[in-house]
Amino acid sequence: MATIHCFEGKPRFSCSQCSTTVALADELISKAFSGREGRGRLLHSACNIKLGAHEQRQLLTGVHTVADIFCVGCSTRLGWTYLRAFEVSQRYKEGKYLFERERIFKDNAWELDDQPSID
């Protein structure tokens, strides 16, 4: 069984289906990416994911070698990781993760007091 990293107390992105933490919010590079089904988030790193098969895929910015990424908690496809970019201008994406916005949510890790303060 895989060890699941939670990063309690830190802002993080989690799977929208099972709430497994999949990345720290500090790893966000850009919100201006497109996924298969809408907007995406590009991140430096990810956790609690498993990779699908490597494949060449024609994306908006050219041909890339990618692997789909899946949540270890529920196996939902969350997006993909860029393994290789064929155009030099796109190589900054190599090793990065694209999460589809509709497949993740941000948990800000805010703690609320149970008792309101009375001044």
Protein backbone atom coordinates (compact mmCIF):
# COMPACT_ATOMS: atom_id res chain seq x y z
CA MET A 1 0.00 0.00 0.00
CA ALA A 2 1.29 3.46 -0.91
CA THR A 3 2.07 6.01 1.80
CA ILE A 4 -0.26 8.99 1.45
CA HIS A 5 1.25 12.38 2.26
CA CYS A 6 -1.23 14.83 3.79
CA PHE A 7 0.73 18.03 4.58
CA GLU A 8 -1.75 19.06 7.28
CA GLY A 9 -1.73 22.77 8.09
CA LYS A 10 -0.39 23.83 4.68
CA PRO A 11 -2.43 25.14 1.74
CA ARG A 12 -2.76 22.30 -0.74
CA PHE A 13 -4.62 20.95 -3.74
CA SER A 14 -6.69 17.81 -3.26
CA CYS A 15 -8.59 15.35 -5.45
CA SER A 16 -12.18 16.52 -5.95
CA GLN A 17 -13.47 12.94 -5.65
CA CYS A 18 -11.78 11.63 -2.49
CA SER A 19 -9.94 14.65 -0.98
CA THR A 20 -6.49 13.02 -1.15
CA THR A 21 -3.78 15.71 -1.15
CA VAL A 22 -2.08 15.80 -4.58
CA ALA A 23 0.11 18.93 -4.38
CA LEU A 24 1.12 21.82 -2.16
CA ALA A 25 -0.36 25.17 -3.21
CA ASP A 26 3.16 26.69 -3.07
CA GLU A 27 4.06 24.56 -6.11
CA LEU A 28 1.67 26.46 -8.41
CA ILE A 29 3.35 27.91 -11.50
CA SER A 30 0.37 29.09 -13.55
CA LYS A 31 -3.44 29.08 -13.70
CA ALA A 32 -3.40 29.95 -17.43
CA PHE A 33 -3.26 26.43 -18.87
CA SER A 34 -5.84 24.34 -20.68
CA GLY A 35 -6.72 20.75 -19.83
CA ARG A 36 -8.83 18.30 -21.79
CA GLU A 37 -12.04 19.57 -20.24
CA GLY A 38 -11.37 23.20 -19.37
CA ARG A 39 -8.85 25.24 -17.42
CA GLY A 40 -5.79 23.71 -15.83
CA ARG A 41 -3.14 24.45 -13.22
CA LEU A 42 0.57 23.90 -13.91
CA LEU A 43 2.56 22.82 -10.85
CA HIS A 44 6.23 22.10 -10.14
CA SER A 45 5.56 18.85 -8.29
CA ALA A 46 2.85 16.44 -7.18
CA CYS A 47 2.33 13.73 -4.58
CA ASN A 48 -0.06 10.84 -4.03
CA ILE A 49 -0.38 10.21 -7.76
CA LYS A 50 0.33 7.32 -10.06
CA LEU A 51 1.37 7.61 -13.71
CA GLY A 52 -0.33 6.14 -16.74
CA ALA A 53 1.37 5.04 -19.95
CA HIS A 54 3.74 7.41 -21.74
CA GLU A 55 2.32 8.71 -25.02
CA GLN A 56 2.89 11.42 -27.57
CA ARG A 57 -0.01 13.85 -27.56
CA GLN A 58 -0.81 16.83 -29.77
CA LEU A 59 -1.61 19.69 -27.38
CA LEU A 60 -2.35 23.36 -28.06
CA THR A 61 1.37 24.20 -27.89
CA GLY A 62 2.65 21.31 -30.00
CA VAL A 63 3.54 17.65 -29.62
CA HIS A 64 4.60 16.51 -26.14
CA THR A 65 5.36 13.17 -24.53
CA VAL A 66 3.05 12.98 -21.52
CA ALA A 67 1.68 10.50 -19.00
CA ASP A 68 -1.75 10.87 -17.44
CA ILE A 69 -1.74 11.25 -13.66
CA PHE A 70 -4.20 9.46 -11.38
CA CYS A 71 -5.10 9.91 -7.71
CA VAL A 72 -3.73 7.07 -5.54
CA GLY A 73 -6.82 7.29 -3.34
CA CYS A 74 -9.54 6.75 -5.94
CA SER A 75 -7.81 6.40 -9.36
CA THR A 76 -9.51 9.50 -10.80
CA ARG A 77 -7.59 10.92 -13.78
CA LEU A 78 -6.44 14.37 -12.62
CA GLY A 79 -4.42 15.58 -15.62
CA TRP A 80 -0.97 14.73 -16.95
CA THR A 81 2.74 15.25 -16.49
CA TYR A 82 4.96 16.59 -19.24
CA LEU A 83 7.81 14.17 -19.89
CA ARG A 84 9.22 15.73 -23.05
CA ALA A 85 8.50 18.79 -25.18
CA PHE A 86 9.64 18.66 -28.79
CA GLU A 87 9.72 22.44 -29.28
CA VAL A 88 12.55 24.25 -27.50
CA SER A 89 10.22 27.04 -26.34
CA GLN A 90 8.06 24.48 -24.50
CA ARG A 91 10.79 22.61 -22.63
CA TYR A 92 10.14 24.55 -19.42
CA LYS A 93 7.12 22.24 -18.98
CA GLU A 94 9.20 19.06 -18.78
CA GLY A 95 8.83 17.43 -15.38
CA LYS A 96 5.84 19.62 -14.49
CA TYR A 97 2.25 18.57 -13.74
CA LEU A 98 -0.97 19.82 -15.32
CA PHE A 99 -4.00 19.36 -13.06
CA GLU A 100 -7.44 19.96 -14.54
CA ARG A 101 -9.19 22.58 -12.41
CA GLU A 102 -12.44 20.63 -12.21
CA ARG A 103 -10.62 17.58 -10.82
CA ILE A 104 -8.95 19.28 -7.85
CA PHE A 105 -9.84 21.79 -5.15
CA LYS A 106 -7.72 24.09 -3.03
CA ASP A 107 -7.73 23.59 0.74
CA ASN A 108 -6.35 26.73 2.37
CA ALA A 109 -5.82 24.94 5.72
CA TRP A 110 -7.42 27.76 7.63
CA GLU A 111 -8.23 27.02 11.23
CA LEU A 112 -11.32 28.63 12.66
CA ASP A 113 -11.86 29.14 16.37
CA ASP A 114 -14.82 27.22 17.72
CA GLN A 115 -15.69 30.02 20.12
CA PRO A 116 -16.13 33.60 18.89
CA SER A 117 -14.13 36.10 20.92
CA ILE A 118 -16.06 38.65 22.97
CA ASP A 119 -14.38 42.01 23.37
